[in-house]
N, C-alpha and C. Protein backbone atom coordinates (compact mmCIF):
# COMPACT_ATOMS: atom_id res chain seq x y z
N UNK A 1 5.96 16.24 -5.71
CA UNK A 1 5.23 15.09 -6.23
C UNK A 1 4.33 15.55 -7.38
N UNK A 2 4.34 14.80 -8.43
CA UNK A 2 3.50 15.17 -9.57
C UNK A 2 2.02 15.12 -9.18
N UNK A 3 1.25 16.01 -9.76
CA UNK A 3 -0.17 16.07 -9.41
C UNK A 3 -0.91 14.78 -9.75
N UNK A 4 -0.44 14.03 -10.73
CA UNK A 4 -1.11 12.78 -11.11
C UNK A 4 -1.05 11.76 -9.98
N UNK A 5 -0.07 11.88 -9.09
CA UNK A 5 0.07 10.92 -7.99
C UNK A 5 -0.71 11.34 -6.75
N UNK A 6 -1.20 12.56 -6.71
CA UNK A 6 -1.97 13.01 -5.55
C UNK A 6 -3.39 12.47 -5.64
N UNK A 7 -3.97 12.21 -4.49
CA UNK A 7 -5.35 11.73 -4.48
C UNK A 7 -6.09 12.33 -3.30
N UNK A 8 -7.39 12.37 -3.41
CA UNK A 8 -8.26 12.85 -2.35
C UNK A 8 -9.41 11.87 -2.20
N UNK A 9 -9.95 11.75 -0.99
CA UNK A 9 -11.11 10.87 -0.81
C UNK A 9 -12.28 11.35 -1.67
N UNK A 10 -13.05 10.41 -2.17
CA UNK A 10 -14.23 10.73 -2.97
C UNK A 10 -15.38 9.89 -2.47
N UNK A 11 -16.49 10.53 -2.25
CA UNK A 11 -17.71 9.82 -1.87
C UNK A 11 -18.75 10.13 -2.93
N UNK A 12 -19.24 9.11 -3.57
CA UNK A 12 -20.23 9.29 -4.61
C UNK A 12 -20.30 8.07 -5.50
N UNK A 13 -21.19 8.10 -6.44
CA UNK A 13 -21.36 6.98 -7.36
C UNK A 13 -20.33 7.10 -8.48
N UNK A 14 -19.69 5.99 -8.76
CA UNK A 14 -18.69 5.95 -9.82
C UNK A 14 -19.04 4.81 -10.77
N UNK A 15 -18.93 5.05 -12.04
CA UNK A 15 -19.17 4.02 -13.05
C UNK A 15 -17.86 3.73 -13.75
N UNK A 16 -17.60 2.49 -13.96
CA UNK A 16 -16.44 2.10 -14.76
C UNK A 16 -16.97 1.31 -15.95
N UNK A 17 -16.61 1.74 -17.13
CA UNK A 17 -17.07 1.09 -18.34
C UNK A 17 -15.85 0.48 -19.02
N UNK A 18 -15.94 -0.80 -19.31
CA UNK A 18 -14.84 -1.48 -19.99
C UNK A 18 -15.39 -2.24 -21.19
N UNK A 19 -14.55 -2.41 -22.15
CA UNK A 19 -14.93 -3.15 -23.35
C UNK A 19 -14.33 -4.54 -23.26
N UNK A 20 -15.15 -5.57 -23.44
CA UNK A 20 -14.67 -6.95 -23.37
C UNK A 20 -14.00 -7.38 -24.66
N UNK A 21 -12.81 -6.89 -24.90
CA UNK A 21 -12.12 -7.19 -26.15
C UNK A 21 -11.65 -8.63 -26.23
N UNK A 22 -11.51 -9.31 -25.09
CA UNK A 22 -11.01 -10.68 -25.10
C UNK A 22 -11.92 -11.61 -25.91
N UNK A 23 -13.21 -11.35 -25.91
CA UNK A 23 -14.12 -12.23 -26.66
C UNK A 23 -13.90 -12.09 -28.16
N UNK A 24 -13.82 -10.88 -28.63
CA UNK A 24 -13.65 -10.67 -30.06
C UNK A 24 -12.25 -11.07 -30.53
N UNK A 25 -11.23 -10.75 -29.75
CA UNK A 25 -9.87 -11.01 -30.21
C UNK A 25 -9.55 -12.50 -30.25
N UNK A 26 -10.01 -13.26 -29.27
CA UNK A 26 -9.70 -14.70 -29.30
C UNK A 26 -10.65 -15.46 -30.23
N UNK A 27 -11.82 -14.94 -30.48
CA UNK A 27 -12.76 -15.63 -31.37
C UNK A 27 -12.20 -15.70 -32.79
N UNK A 28 -11.38 -14.73 -33.17
CA UNK A 28 -10.79 -14.72 -34.51
C UNK A 28 -9.77 -15.85 -34.68
N UNK A 29 -9.34 -16.47 -33.58
CA UNK A 29 -8.32 -17.52 -33.64
C UNK A 29 -8.89 -18.93 -33.64
N UNK A 30 -10.20 -19.06 -33.42
CA UNK A 30 -10.81 -20.38 -33.26
C UNK A 30 -12.01 -20.52 -34.19
N UNK A 31 -12.57 -21.74 -34.22
CA UNK A 31 -13.69 -22.02 -35.12
C UNK A 31 -15.05 -22.12 -34.42
N UNK A 32 -15.05 -22.16 -33.08
CA UNK A 32 -16.33 -22.34 -32.39
C UNK A 32 -16.26 -21.69 -31.01
N UNK A 33 -17.44 -21.52 -30.41
CA UNK A 33 -17.49 -20.99 -29.04
C UNK A 33 -16.83 -21.94 -28.05
N UNK A 34 -16.94 -23.24 -28.29
CA UNK A 34 -16.31 -24.22 -27.41
C UNK A 34 -14.78 -24.07 -27.45
N UNK A 35 -14.22 -23.91 -28.64
CA UNK A 35 -12.77 -23.71 -28.76
C UNK A 35 -12.35 -22.37 -28.14
N UNK A 36 -13.20 -21.36 -28.29
CA UNK A 36 -12.89 -20.05 -27.72
C UNK A 36 -12.84 -20.13 -26.20
N UNK A 37 -13.78 -20.85 -25.60
CA UNK A 37 -13.79 -21.02 -24.14
C UNK A 37 -12.54 -21.76 -23.69
N UNK A 38 -12.15 -22.80 -24.42
CA UNK A 38 -10.94 -23.55 -24.10
C UNK A 38 -9.71 -22.65 -24.18
N UNK A 39 -9.62 -21.85 -25.23
CA UNK A 39 -8.49 -20.93 -25.38
C UNK A 39 -8.45 -19.93 -24.24
N UNK A 40 -9.60 -19.37 -23.88
CA UNK A 40 -9.66 -18.43 -22.75
C UNK A 40 -9.21 -19.10 -21.45
N UNK A 41 -9.61 -20.34 -21.23
CA UNK A 41 -9.19 -21.08 -20.03
C UNK A 41 -7.67 -21.29 -20.02
N UNK A 42 -7.10 -21.65 -21.17
CA UNK A 42 -5.65 -21.84 -21.27
C UNK A 42 -4.93 -20.53 -20.97
N UNK A 43 -5.41 -19.44 -21.56
CA UNK A 43 -4.78 -18.14 -21.32
C UNK A 43 -4.87 -17.74 -19.85
N UNK A 44 -6.01 -17.97 -19.24
CA UNK A 44 -6.19 -17.61 -17.82
C UNK A 44 -5.25 -18.42 -16.93
N UNK A 45 -5.08 -19.71 -17.23
CA UNK A 45 -4.19 -20.55 -16.42
C UNK A 45 -2.72 -20.18 -16.60
N UNK A 46 -2.39 -19.52 -17.70
CA UNK A 46 -0.99 -19.14 -17.94
C UNK A 46 -0.59 -17.89 -17.15
N UNK A 47 -1.56 -17.17 -16.60
CA UNK A 47 -1.28 -15.95 -15.85
C UNK A 47 -0.91 -16.29 -14.41
N UNK A 48 -0.14 -15.41 -13.75
CA UNK A 48 0.14 -15.63 -12.33
C UNK A 48 -1.15 -15.61 -11.51
N UNK A 49 -1.14 -16.29 -10.39
CA UNK A 49 -2.32 -16.33 -9.52
C UNK A 49 -2.57 -14.96 -8.90
N UNK A 50 -3.84 -14.67 -8.62
CA UNK A 50 -4.19 -13.46 -7.89
C UNK A 50 -3.75 -13.67 -6.44
N UNK A 51 -3.02 -12.71 -5.86
CA UNK A 51 -2.60 -12.86 -4.46
C UNK A 51 -3.79 -13.08 -3.54
N UNK A 52 -3.59 -13.86 -2.50
CA UNK A 52 -4.66 -14.19 -1.55
C UNK A 52 -5.37 -12.94 -1.05
N UNK A 53 -4.59 -11.91 -0.70
CA UNK A 53 -5.19 -10.70 -0.14
C UNK A 53 -6.00 -9.89 -1.16
N UNK A 54 -5.96 -10.28 -2.42
CA UNK A 54 -6.72 -9.57 -3.46
C UNK A 54 -7.85 -10.41 -4.04
N UNK A 55 -8.02 -11.62 -3.57
CA UNK A 55 -9.01 -12.52 -4.16
C UNK A 55 -10.45 -12.08 -3.93
N UNK A 56 -10.67 -11.20 -2.97
CA UNK A 56 -12.02 -10.70 -2.72
C UNK A 56 -12.42 -9.60 -3.71
N UNK A 57 -11.44 -9.08 -4.46
CA UNK A 57 -11.70 -8.00 -5.40
C UNK A 57 -12.32 -8.50 -6.70
N UNK A 58 -13.06 -7.65 -7.37
CA UNK A 58 -13.56 -7.93 -8.71
C UNK A 58 -12.34 -8.19 -9.60
N UNK A 59 -12.47 -9.06 -10.60
CA UNK A 59 -11.30 -9.45 -11.39
C UNK A 59 -10.63 -8.27 -12.09
N UNK A 60 -11.37 -7.25 -12.47
CA UNK A 60 -10.75 -6.08 -13.10
C UNK A 60 -9.91 -5.29 -12.10
N UNK A 61 -10.31 -5.30 -10.84
CA UNK A 61 -9.53 -4.60 -9.82
C UNK A 61 -8.35 -5.44 -9.35
N UNK A 62 -8.48 -6.75 -9.36
CA UNK A 62 -7.42 -7.63 -8.88
C UNK A 62 -6.33 -7.86 -9.93
N UNK A 63 -6.66 -7.70 -11.20
CA UNK A 63 -5.72 -8.04 -12.28
C UNK A 63 -4.34 -7.41 -12.15
N UNK A 64 -4.22 -6.12 -11.84
CA UNK A 64 -2.86 -5.54 -11.77
C UNK A 64 -1.98 -6.18 -10.70
N UNK A 65 -2.58 -6.71 -9.64
CA UNK A 65 -1.80 -7.25 -8.53
C UNK A 65 -1.25 -8.64 -8.81
N UNK A 66 -1.76 -9.31 -9.81
CA UNK A 66 -1.29 -10.67 -10.10
C UNK A 66 0.05 -10.67 -10.81
N UNK A 67 0.49 -9.53 -11.30
CA UNK A 67 1.73 -9.47 -12.07
C UNK A 67 2.91 -8.90 -11.29
N UNK A 68 2.75 -8.60 -10.02
CA UNK A 68 3.86 -8.13 -9.20
C UNK A 68 4.28 -6.71 -9.52
N UNK A 69 5.44 -6.33 -9.01
CA UNK A 69 5.95 -4.98 -9.19
C UNK A 69 6.47 -4.78 -10.61
N UNK A 70 6.25 -3.60 -11.13
CA UNK A 70 6.73 -3.25 -12.46
C UNK A 70 8.21 -2.90 -12.37
N UNK A 71 9.04 -3.35 -13.30
CA UNK A 71 10.49 -3.16 -13.17
C UNK A 71 10.98 -1.71 -13.32
N UNK A 72 10.25 -0.87 -14.04
CA UNK A 72 10.69 0.51 -14.25
C UNK A 72 9.53 1.47 -13.99
N UNK A 73 9.86 2.73 -13.75
CA UNK A 73 8.82 3.73 -13.56
C UNK A 73 8.01 3.90 -14.84
N UNK A 74 6.72 4.18 -14.66
CA UNK A 74 5.87 4.50 -15.79
C UNK A 74 5.08 5.75 -15.43
N UNK A 75 4.24 6.19 -16.33
CA UNK A 75 3.44 7.38 -16.08
C UNK A 75 2.50 7.18 -14.88
N UNK A 76 2.08 5.94 -14.63
CA UNK A 76 1.05 5.70 -13.64
C UNK A 76 1.52 5.02 -12.37
N UNK A 77 2.76 4.53 -12.33
CA UNK A 77 3.23 3.86 -11.12
C UNK A 77 4.75 3.86 -11.04
N UNK A 78 5.23 3.71 -9.81
CA UNK A 78 6.66 3.63 -9.59
C UNK A 78 7.14 2.21 -9.86
N UNK A 79 8.32 2.09 -10.39
CA UNK A 79 8.92 0.79 -10.62
C UNK A 79 9.63 0.28 -9.38
N UNK A 80 10.05 -0.96 -9.41
CA UNK A 80 10.74 -1.55 -8.26
C UNK A 80 12.25 -1.47 -8.42
N UNK A 81 12.72 -0.95 -9.54
CA UNK A 81 14.15 -0.93 -9.82
C UNK A 81 14.86 0.30 -9.35
């Protein structure tokens, strides 16, 4: 098994820093904050629903589960094919 797939328990404080690119990228497509909010709502509704068993998770943690299994292997996960 590749070392990237191995894991060990960790106890300690962890910080995750993410950049909210969705605000800047969609704002370039609209003329106002109201239109930007509408566009974000439309985009969110177009995505698959978060599975029931993942709805308690923070949206950044739940996001990968809403898209189902990946069809092919990648560097970070096994595919379903």
